[in-house]
Every structure is written in structure tokens, then in C-alpha cells.
PDB file of N, CA and C in Angstrom:
ATOM      1  N   MET A   1      54.851 -35.126 -12.577  1.00  0.00           N
ATOM      2  CA  MET A   1      55.521 -33.719 -12.477  1.00  0.00           C
ATOM      3  C   MET A   1      54.787 -32.688 -13.765  1.00  0.00           C
ATOM      4  N   PRO A   2      54.148 -31.496 -13.280  1.00  0.00           N
ATOM      5  CA  PRO A   2      53.390 -30.446 -14.294  1.00  0.00           C
ATOM      6  C   PRO A   2      54.369 -29.782 -15.304  1.00  0.00           C
ATOM      7  N   PRO A   3      54.026 -29.949 -17.026  1.00  0.00           N
ATOM      8  CA  PRO A   3      55.023 -29.129 -17.887  1.00  0.00           C
ATOM      9  C   PRO A   3      54.946 -28.037 -17.237  1.00  0.00           C
ATOM     10  N   SER A   4      56.450 -27.016 -16.742  1.00  0.00           N
ATOM     11  CA  SER A   4      56.671 -25.879 -16.983  1.00  0.00           C
ATOM     12  C   SER A   4      55.502 -24.979 -17.932  1.00  0.00           C
ATOM     13  N   ALA A   5      55.126 -23.257 -16.710  1.00  0.00           N
ATOM     14  CA  ALA A   5      54.310 -22.231 -18.185  1.00  0.00           C
ATOM     15  C   ALA A   5      56.113 -21.985 -18.495  1.00  0.00           C
ATOM     16  N   PRO A   6      54.878 -21.616 -20.005  1.00  0.00           N
ATOM     17  CA  PRO A   6      56.008 -21.088 -21.375  1.00  0.00           C
ATOM     18  C   PRO A   6      57.404 -19.562 -20.638  1.00  0.00           C
ATOM     19  N   PRO A   7      58.101 -19.181 -21.171  1.00  0.00           N
ATOM     20  CA  PRO A   7      58.710 -18.379 -20.997  1.00  0.00           C
ATOM     21  C   PRO A   7      57.709 -16.435 -20.621  1.00  0.00           C
ATOM     22  N   ALA A   8      57.972 -16.003 -19.799  1.00  0.00           N
ATOM     23  CA  ALA A   8      57.069 -15.235 -20.502  1.00  0.00           C
ATOM     24  C   ALA A   8      57.339 -13.786 -21.239  1.00  0.00           C
ATOM     25  N   ASP A   9      56.055 -13.202 -21.868  1.00  0.00           N
ATOM     26  CA  ASP A   9      56.817 -13.068 -23.258  1.00  0.00           C
ATOM     27  C   ASP A   9      56.910 -11.309 -23.209  1.00  0.00           C
ATOM     28  N   ASP A  10      58.250 -10.843 -22.940  1.00  0.00           N
ATOM     29  CA  ASP A  10      57.918  -9.123 -22.422  1.00  0.00           C
ATOM     30  C   ASP A  10      57.629  -8.872 -23.850  1.00  0.00           C
ATOM     31  N   THR A  11      57.118  -8.629 -25.122  1.00  0.00           N
ATOM     32  CA  THR A  11      57.550  -8.171 -26.712  1.00  0.00           C
ATOM     33  C   THR A  11      55.971  -8.544 -25.981  1.00  0.00           C
ATOM     34  N   SER A  12      55.059  -8.371 -25.653  1.00  0.00           N
ATOM     35  CA  SER A  12      53.307  -8.575 -26.332  1.00  0.00           C
ATOM     36  C   SER A  12      53.180  -7.879 -24.940  1.00  0.00           C
ATOM     37  N   PRO A  13      51.680  -7.597 -26.135  1.00  0.00           N
ATOM     38  CA  PRO A  13      51.359  -6.053 -25.942  1.00  0.00           C
ATOM     39  C   PRO A  13      50.570  -6.804 -24.219  1.00  0.00           C
ATOM     40  N   PRO A  14      49.766  -5.547 -23.644  1.00  0.00           N
ATOM     41  CA  PRO A  14      48.747  -5.926 -22.141  1.00  0.00           C
ATOM     42  C   PRO A  14      47.996  -6.317 -22.863  1.00  0.00           C
ATOM     43  N   ARG A  15      46.958  -6.842 -22.195  1.00  0.00           N
ATOM     44  CA  ARG A  15      45.786  -7.509 -22.565  1.00  0.00           C
ATOM     45  C   ARG A  15      44.714  -6.433 -22.704  1.00  0.00           C
ATOM     46  N   ASP A  16      44.493  -4.830 -21.982  1.00  0.00           N
ATOM     47  CA  ASP A  16      44.044  -4.587 -22.824  1.00  0.00           C
ATOM     48  C   ASP A  16      44.176  -3.290 -23.828  1.00  0.00           C
ATOM     49  N   ALA A  17      45.663  -3.117 -24.243  1.00  0.00           N
ATOM     50  CA  ALA A  17      45.448  -2.387 -25.682  1.00  0.00           C
ATOM     51  C   ALA A  17      44.906  -3.731 -26.243  1.00  0.00           C
ATOM     52  N   PRO A  18      45.091  -2.615 -27.982  1.00  0.00           N
ATOM     53  CA  PRO A  18      43.469  -3.118 -28.689  1.00  0.00           C
ATOM     54  C   PRO A  18      44.966  -4.094 -29.608  1.00  0.00           C
ATOM     55  N   ARG A  19      44.582  -4.642 -30.902  1.00  0.00           N
ATOM     56  CA  ARG A  19      45.350  -5.445 -31.790  1.00  0.00           C
ATOM     57  C   ARG A  19      46.375  -4.862 -32.171  1.00  0.00           C
ATOM     58  N   TYR A  20      48.007  -4.868 -33.287  1.00  0.00           N
ATOM     59  CA  TYR A  20      47.724  -3.692 -33.672  1.00  0.00           C
ATOM     60  C   TYR A  20      47.343  -3.281 -34.476  1.00  0.00           C
ATOM     61  N   GLU A  21      46.229  -4.197 -35.016  1.00  0.00           N
ATOM     62  CA  GLU A  21      45.995  -3.899 -37.164  1.00  0.00           C
ATOM     63  C   GLU A  21      44.008  -3.048 -36.274  1.00  0.00           C
ATOM     64  N   ASP A  22      43.441  -3.768 -35.507  1.00  0.00           N
ATOM     65  CA  ASP A  22      42.921  -2.873 -34.794  1.00  0.00           C
ATOM     66  C   ASP A  22      43.228  -0.994 -34.491  1.00  0.00           C
ATOM     67  N   ALA A  23      43.925  -0.990 -33.351  1.00  0.00           N
ATOM     68  CA  ALA A  23      44.633   0.287 -33.587  1.00  0.00           C
ATOM     69  C   ALA A  23      45.279   1.189 -34.964  1.00  0.00           C
ATOM     70  N   LEU A  24      45.857   0.446 -35.586  1.00  0.00           N
ATOM     71  CA  LEU A  24      46.030   1.166 -36.922  1.00  0.00           C
ATOM     72  C   LEU A  24      44.830   1.816 -38.481  1.00  0.00           C
ATOM     73  N   ALA A  25      43.766   0.723 -38.066  1.00  0.00           N
ATOM     74  CA  ALA A  25      42.265   1.206 -38.048  1.00  0.00           C
ATOM     75  C   ALA A  25      41.794   2.205 -37.947  1.00  0.00           C
ATOM     76  N   GLU A  26      42.402   2.367 -36.291  1.00  0.00           N
ATOM     77  CA  GLU A  26      41.444   3.168 -36.164  1.00  0.00           C
ATOM     78  C   GLU A  26      43.099   4.873 -36.286  1.00  0.00           C
ATOM     79  N   LEU A  27      44.076   4.719 -35.966  1.00  0.00           N
ATOM     80  CA  LEU A  27      44.010   6.155 -36.925  1.00  0.00           C
ATOM     81  C   LEU A  27      44.481   6.396 -38.266  1.00  0.00           C
ATOM     82  N   GLU A  28      43.543   4.901 -38.169  1.00  0.00           N
ATOM     83  CA  GLU A  28      43.281   6.166 -40.014  1.00  0.00           C
ATOM     84  C   GLU A  28      42.457   7.170 -39.993  1.00  0.00           C
ATOM     85  N   ARG A  29      41.340   6.160 -38.950  1.00  0.00           N
ATOM     86  CA  ARG A  29      39.946   6.234 -39.546  1.00  0.00           C
ATOM     87  C   ARG A  29      40.236   8.188 -38.617  1.00  0.00           C
ATOM     88  N   LEU A  30      41.031   7.957 -37.514  1.00  0.00           N
ATOM     89  CA  LEU A  30      41.000   9.471 -37.180  1.00  0.00           C
ATOM     90  C   LEU A  30      41.919  10.019 -37.601  1.00  0.00           C
ATOM     91  N   VAL A  31      43.183  10.301 -38.504  1.00  0.00           N
ATOM     92  CA  VAL A  31      43.694  11.131 -39.610  1.00  0.00           C
ATOM     93  C   VAL A  31      42.928  11.326 -40.510  1.00  0.00           C
ATOM     94  N   SER A  32      41.796  10.648 -41.491  1.00  0.00           N
ATOM     95  CA  SER A  32      40.468  10.322 -41.947  1.00  0.00           C
ATOM     96  C   SER A  32      39.314  12.009 -42.016  1.00  0.00           C
ATOM     97  N   ALA A  33      39.599  11.510 -40.502  1.00  0.00           N
ATOM     98  CA  ALA A  33      38.802  13.163 -39.989  1.00  0.00           C
ATOM     99  C   ALA A  33      39.239  14.117 -39.469  1.00  0.00           C
ATOM    100  N   MET A  34      39.694  14.496 -39.249  1.00  0.00           N
ATOM    101  CA  MET A  34      41.216  14.939 -39.371  1.00  0.00           C
ATOM    102  C   MET A  34      40.877  16.146 -40.701  1.00  0.00           C
ATOM    103  N   GLU A  35      41.518  15.918 -41.656  1.00  0.00           N
ATOM    104  CA  GLU A  35      41.907  15.794 -42.731  1.00  0.00           C
ATOM    105  C   GLU A  35      40.650  16.533 -43.176  1.00  0.00           C
ATOM    106  N   GLY A  36      39.711  15.862 -43.484  1.00  0.00           N
ATOM    107  CA  GLY A  36      38.100  16.565 -43.433  1.00  0.00           C
ATOM    108  C   GLY A  36      37.812  17.993 -43.278  1.00  0.00           C
ATOM    109  N   GLY A  37      38.381  18.486 -41.899  1.00  0.00           N
ATOM    110  CA  GLY A  37      38.604  19.852 -41.908  1.00  0.00           C
ATOM    111  C   GLY A  37      37.308  20.751 -41.349  1.00  0.00           C
ATOM    112  N   GLN A  38      36.487  19.032 -40.474  1.00  0.00           N
ATOM    113  CA  GLN A  38      35.158  19.865 -40.332  1.00  0.00           C
ATOM    114  C   GLN A  38      34.711  19.664 -38.625  1.00  0.00           C
ATOM    115  N   LEU A  39      35.784  18.954 -38.188  1.00  0.00           N
ATOM    116  CA  LEU A  39      36.068  18.775 -36.809  1.00  0.00           C
ATOM    117  C   LEU A  39      36.420  20.401 -35.667  1.00  0.00           C
ATOM    118  N   PRO A  40      35.184  20.465 -34.888  1.00  0.00           N
ATOM    119  CA  PRO A  40      35.964  21.839 -34.204  1.00  0.00           C
ATOM    120  C   PRO A  40      37.620  21.072 -33.281  1.00  0.00           C
ATOM    121  N   LEU A  41      37.885  21.870 -32.484  1.00  0.00           N
ATOM    122  CA  LEU A  41      39.244  22.654 -32.093  1.00  0.00           C
ATOM    123  C   LEU A  41      38.915  21.775 -31.326  1.00  0.00           C
ATOM    124  N   ASP A  42      38.376  21.473 -30.538  1.00  0.00           N
ATOM    125  CA  ASP A  42      38.170  19.781 -29.065  1.00  0.00           C
ATOM    126  C   ASP A  42      38.178  18.982 -29.712  1.00  0.00           C
ATOM    127  N   ALA A  43      37.479  18.398 -30.508  1.00  0.00           N
ATOM    128  CA  ALA A  43      38.041  17.419 -30.680  1.00  0.00           C
ATOM    129  C   ALA A  43      38.801  17.249 -32.596  1.00  0.00           C
ATOM    130  N   LEU A  44      39.559  17.618 -32.503  1.00  0.00           N
ATOM    131  CA  LEU A  44      41.154  17.991 -33.124  1.00  0.00           C
ATOM    132  C   LEU A  44      42.180  17.697 -32.587  1.00  0.00           C
ATOM    133  N   LEU A  45      41.555  18.612 -31.157  1.00  0.00           N
ATOM    134  CA  LEU A  45      43.105  18.375 -30.547  1.00  0.00           C
ATOM    135  C   LEU A  45      43.112  16.906 -29.230  1.00  0.00           C
ATOM    136  N   ASP A  46      41.647  16.053 -29.073  1.00  0.00           N
ATOM    137  CA  ASP A  46      41.368  15.109 -28.801  1.00  0.00           C
ATOM    138  C   ASP A  46      41.728  14.527 -29.705  1.00  0.00           C
ATOM    139  N   ASN A  47      41.381  14.066 -31.196  1.00  0.00           N
ATOM    140  CA  ASN A  47      41.752  12.782 -31.845  1.00  0.00           C
ATOM    141  C   ASN A  47      43.469  13.459 -32.141  1.00  0.00           C
ATOM    142  N   TYR A  48      43.849  14.485 -31.685  1.00  0.00           N
ATOM    143  CA  TYR A  48      45.657  14.040 -32.198  1.00  0.00           C
ATOM    144  C   TYR A  48      45.801  13.186 -31.137  1.00  0.00           C
ATOM    145  N   ARG A  49      45.529  13.338 -29.874  1.00  0.00           N
ATOM    146  CA  ARG A  49      46.150  12.726 -28.310  1.00  0.00           C
ATOM    147  C   ARG A  49      46.167  11.417 -28.888  1.00  0.00           C
ATOM    148  N   ARG A  50      44.584  11.248 -29.089  1.00  0.00           N
ATOM    149  CA  ARG A  50      44.519   9.566 -29.323  1.00  0.00           C
ATOM    150  C   ARG A  50      45.185   8.646 -30.869  1.00  0.00           C
ATOM    151  N   GLY A  51      46.089  10.153 -31.601  1.00  0.00           N
ATOM    152  CA  GLY A  51      46.219   8.846 -33.007  1.00  0.00           C
ATOM    153  C   GLY A  51      47.928   8.877 -32.017  1.00  0.00           C
ATOM    154  N   ALA A  52      48.629   9.951 -30.947  1.00  0.00           N
ATOM    155  CA  ALA A  52      49.926   9.194 -31.134  1.00  0.00           C
ATOM    156  C   ALA A  52      50.068   8.559 -30.176  1.00  0.00           C
ATOM    157  N   GLN A  53      48.662   8.963 -29.298  1.00  0.00           N
ATOM    158  CA  GLN A  53      48.651   6.986 -28.302  1.00  0.00           C
ATOM    159  C   GLN A  53      48.974   6.071 -29.409  1.00  0.00           C
ATOM    160  N   LEU A  54      47.989   5.520 -29.744  1.00  0.00           N
ATOM    161  CA  LEU A  54      48.311   5.103 -31.833  1.00  0.00           C
ATOM    162  C   LEU A  54      48.990   4.056 -32.602  1.00  0.00           C
ATOM    163  N   LEU A  55      49.846   5.795 -32.456  1.00  0.00           N
ATOM    164  CA  LEU A  55      50.959   5.547 -33.651  1.00  0.00           C
ATOM    165  C   LEU A  55      52.234   4.759 -32.227  1.00  0.00           C
ATOM    166  N   ASP A  56      52.002   5.541 -31.154  1.00  0.00           N
ATOM    167  CA  ASP A  56      53.025   4.662 -30.389  1.00  0.00           C
ATOM    168  C   ASP A  56      52.834   3.475 -29.953  1.00  0.00           C
ATOM    169  N   LEU A  57      51.876   3.061 -30.117  1.00  0.00           N
ATOM    170  CA  LEU A  57      51.336   1.677 -29.664  1.00  0.00           C
ATOM    171  C   LEU A  57      52.212   0.281 -31.143  1.00  0.00           C
ATOM    172  N   CYS A  58      51.806   1.531 -32.223  1.00  0.00           N
ATOM    173  CA  CYS A  58      52.059   0.529 -33.332  1.00  0.00           C
ATOM    174  C   CYS A  58      53.508   0.218 -33.841  1.00  0.00           C
ATOM    175  N   ARG A  59      53.852   1.453 -33.878  1.00  0.00           N
ATOM    176  CA  ARG A  59      55.675   1.171 -33.209  1.00  0.00           C
ATOM    177  C   ARG A  59      56.516   0.741 -32.690  1.00  0.00           C
ATOM    178  N   ALA A  60      55.422   0.439 -31.371  1.00  0.00           N
ATOM    179  CA  ALA A  60      56.120  -0.090 -30.480  1.00  0.00           C
ATOM    180  C   ALA A  60      56.021  -1.671 -30.713  1.00  0.00           C
ATOM    181  N   ARG A  61      54.612  -1.881 -31.102  1.00  0.00           N
ATOM    182  CA  ARG A  61      54.655  -3.924 -31.055  1.00  0.00           C
ATOM    183  C   ARG A  61      55.843  -3.930 -32.720  1.00  0.00           C
ATOM    184  N   LEU A  62      55.767  -2.852 -33.551  1.00  0.00           N
ATOM    185  CA  LEU A  62      56.551  -3.475 -35.143  1.00  0.00           C
ATOM    186  C   LEU A  62      58.167  -3.280 -34.403  1.00  0.00           C
ATOM    187  N   GLN A  63      58.688  -2.310 -33.455  1.00  0.00           N
ATOM    188  CA  GLN A  63      60.063  -2.406 -33.083  1.00  0.00           C
ATOM    189  C   GLN A  63      59.854  -4.313 -32.567  1.00  0.00           C
ATOM    190  N   ALA A  64      58.950  -4.511 -31.808  1.00  0.00           N
ATOM    191  CA  ALA A  64      59.025  -6.089 -30.375  1.00  0.00           C
ATOM    192  C   ALA A  64      59.018  -6.554 -31.706  1.00  0.00           C
ATOM    193  N   VAL A  65      58.043  -6.526 -32.154  1.00  0.00           N
ATOM    194  CA  VAL A  65      58.572  -8.342 -33.815  1.00  0.00           C
ATOM    195  C   VAL A  65      59.731  -7.807 -34.872  1.00  0.00           C
ATOM    196  N   GLU A  66      59.812  -6.889 -35.244  1.00  0.00           N
ATOM    197  CA  GLU A  66      61.108  -6.567 -35.872  1.00  0.00           C
ATOM    198  C   GLU A  66      61.796  -7.257 -34.981  1.00  0.00           C
ATOM    199  N   GLN A  67      62.846  -7.323 -33.459  1.00  0.00           N
ATOM    200  CA  GLN A  67      64.129  -8.166 -33.119  1.00  0.00           C
ATOM    201  C   GLN A  67      63.768  -9.358 -32.502  1.00  0.00           C
ATOM    202  N   GLN A  68      62.348  -9.696 -32.344  1.00  0.00           N
ATOM    203  CA  GLN A  68      62.133 -11.064 -32.361  1.00  0.00           C
ATOM    204  C   GLN A  68      62.426 -11.772 -33.566  1.00  0.00           C
ATOM    205  N   VAL A  69      62.098 -11.062 -34.850  1.00  0.00           N
ATOM    206  CA  VAL A  69      63.089 -12.235 -36.977  1.00  0.00           C
ATOM    207  C   VAL A  69      64.556 -11.169 -36.533  1.00  0.00           C
ATOM    208  N   LYS A  70      64.542 -10.761 -35.634  1.00  0.00           N
ATOM    209  CA  LYS A  70      66.433 -10.499 -36.001  1.00  0.00           C
ATOM    210  C   LYS A  70      67.259 -12.044 -34.679  1.00  0.00           C
ATOM    211  N   VAL A  71      66.118 -12.204 -34.315  1.00  0.00           N
ATOM    212  CA  VAL A  71      66.602 -13.297 -33.383  1.00  0.00           C
ATOM    213  C   VAL A  71      66.044 -14.878 -33.900  1.00  0.00           C
ATOM    214  N   LEU A  72      65.759 -14.840 -34.686  1.00  0.00           N
ATOM    215  CA  LEU A  72      64.340 -15.837 -35.444  1.00  0.00           C
ATOM    216  C   LEU A  72      66.388 -16.850 -35.926  1.00  0.00           C
ATOM    217  N   GLU A  73      66.503 -18.153 -35.298  1.00  0.00           N
ATOM    218  CA  GLU A  73      67.258 -18.695 -35.932  1.00  0.00           C
ATOM    219  C   GLU A  73      67.773 -19.941 -35.920  1.00  0.00           C
ATOM    220  N   ASP A  74      67.815 -21.144 -37.002  1.00  0.00           N
ATOM    221  CA  ASP A  74      67.282 -22.973 -37.631  1.00  0.00           C
ATOM    222  C   ASP A  74      66.382 -22.500 -37.254  1.00  0.00           C
ATOM    223  N   GLY A  75      65.574 -21.789 -37.501  1.00  0.00           N
ATOM    224  CA  GLY A  75      63.954 -21.683 -37.681  1.00  0.00           C
ATOM    225  C   GLY A  75      63.426 -22.420 -36.366  1.00  0.00           C
ATOM    226  N   GLN A  76      63.296 -21.543 -34.926  1.00  0.00           N
ATOM    227  CA  GLN A  76      63.120 -21.221 -33.554  1.00  0.00           C
ATOM    228  C   GLN A  76      63.022 -19.471 -33.696  1.00  0.00           C
ATOM    229  N   LEU A  77      61.610 -19.921 -33.043  1.00  0.00           N
ATOM    230  CA  LEU A  77      62.086 -18.059 -32.948  1.00  0.00           C
ATOM    231  C   LEU A  77      62.488 -17.609 -31.172  1.00  0.00           C
ATOM    232  N   LYS A  78      63.135 -17.450 -30.937  1.00  0.00           N
ATOM    233  CA  LYS A  78      63.994 -17.277 -29.198  1.00  0.00           C
ATOM    234  C   LYS A  78      63.375 -15.815 -28.965  1.00  0.00           C
ATOM    235  N   ASP A  79      62.740 -16.365 -27.739  1.00  0.00           N
ATOM    236  CA  ASP A  79      62.175 -15.118 -26.658  1.00  0.00           C
ATOM    237  C   ASP A  79      63.546 -13.873 -26.504  1.00  0.00           C
ATOM    238  N   TRP A  80      63.331 -12.628 -27.169  1.00  0.00           N
ATOM    239  CA  TRP A  80      64.625 -11.401 -26.723  1.00  0.00           C
ATOM    240  C   TRP A  80      64.675 -11.409 -25.088  1.00  0.00           C
ATOM    241  N   VAL A  81      65.311 -10.870 -25.353  1.00  0.00           N
ATOM    242  CA  VAL A  81      65.795 -11.016 -23.583  1.00  0.00           C
ATOM    243  C   VAL A  81      66.542  -9.671 -24.107  1.00  0.00           C
ATOM    244  N   THR A  82      66.141  -8.979 -22.825  1.00  0.00           N
ATOM    245  CA  THR A  82      66.668  -7.502 -22.459  1.00  0.00           C
ATOM    246  C   THR A  82      66.842  -7.557 -21.133  1.00  0.00           C
ATOM    247  N   GLU A  83      68.871  -6.654 -20.741  1.00  0.00           N
ATOM    248  CA  GLU A  83      69.342  -7.145 -20.486  1.00  0.00           C
ATOM    249  C   GLU A  83      69.254  -5.097 -18.472  1.00  0.00           C
TER     250      GLU A  83
END
């Protein structure tokens, strides 16, 4: 009998989502470019929109990790189950 697959991790980012570190680095680059004051208005707005998306992604990943840490018990990380 083959071993069963591990339970799905609801806190995992979608496969096409950037890693937290990559998203944070891109966000920092966008902020730096916007603070430089040299972007045309359309580019500034595009950067702001992208930055908002990246910020949401980073916050969601941090919250997911925080929830996993909260359920750490006896050295074992348990799956987070939402109701």
C-alpha cells in the first residue's frame, strides 16, 4: 500500500506567486523608484498598484507563518485548519 500524500497546506502561496523574499525585494525597488521622483505619472501609478499587490502578498505570507508558529506544539508544526 503506497504512503498517503501529505495533507494540503492551505497556507502555501499559489505556485505562480513570487517567494516572500523576492516580493519584498521588488517592493523595495518600486518604493525606491517612486521616491526618486523621476517617474512619469502613469509609471508611478503602475508602480503603486504593483506595490500594493506585493504588500498584500507579503502580509498574507507573514500571517500564514505567524499562524503556523502559534500552533507549534511539542516541536511539531501542525497543519493550520480553518473552519
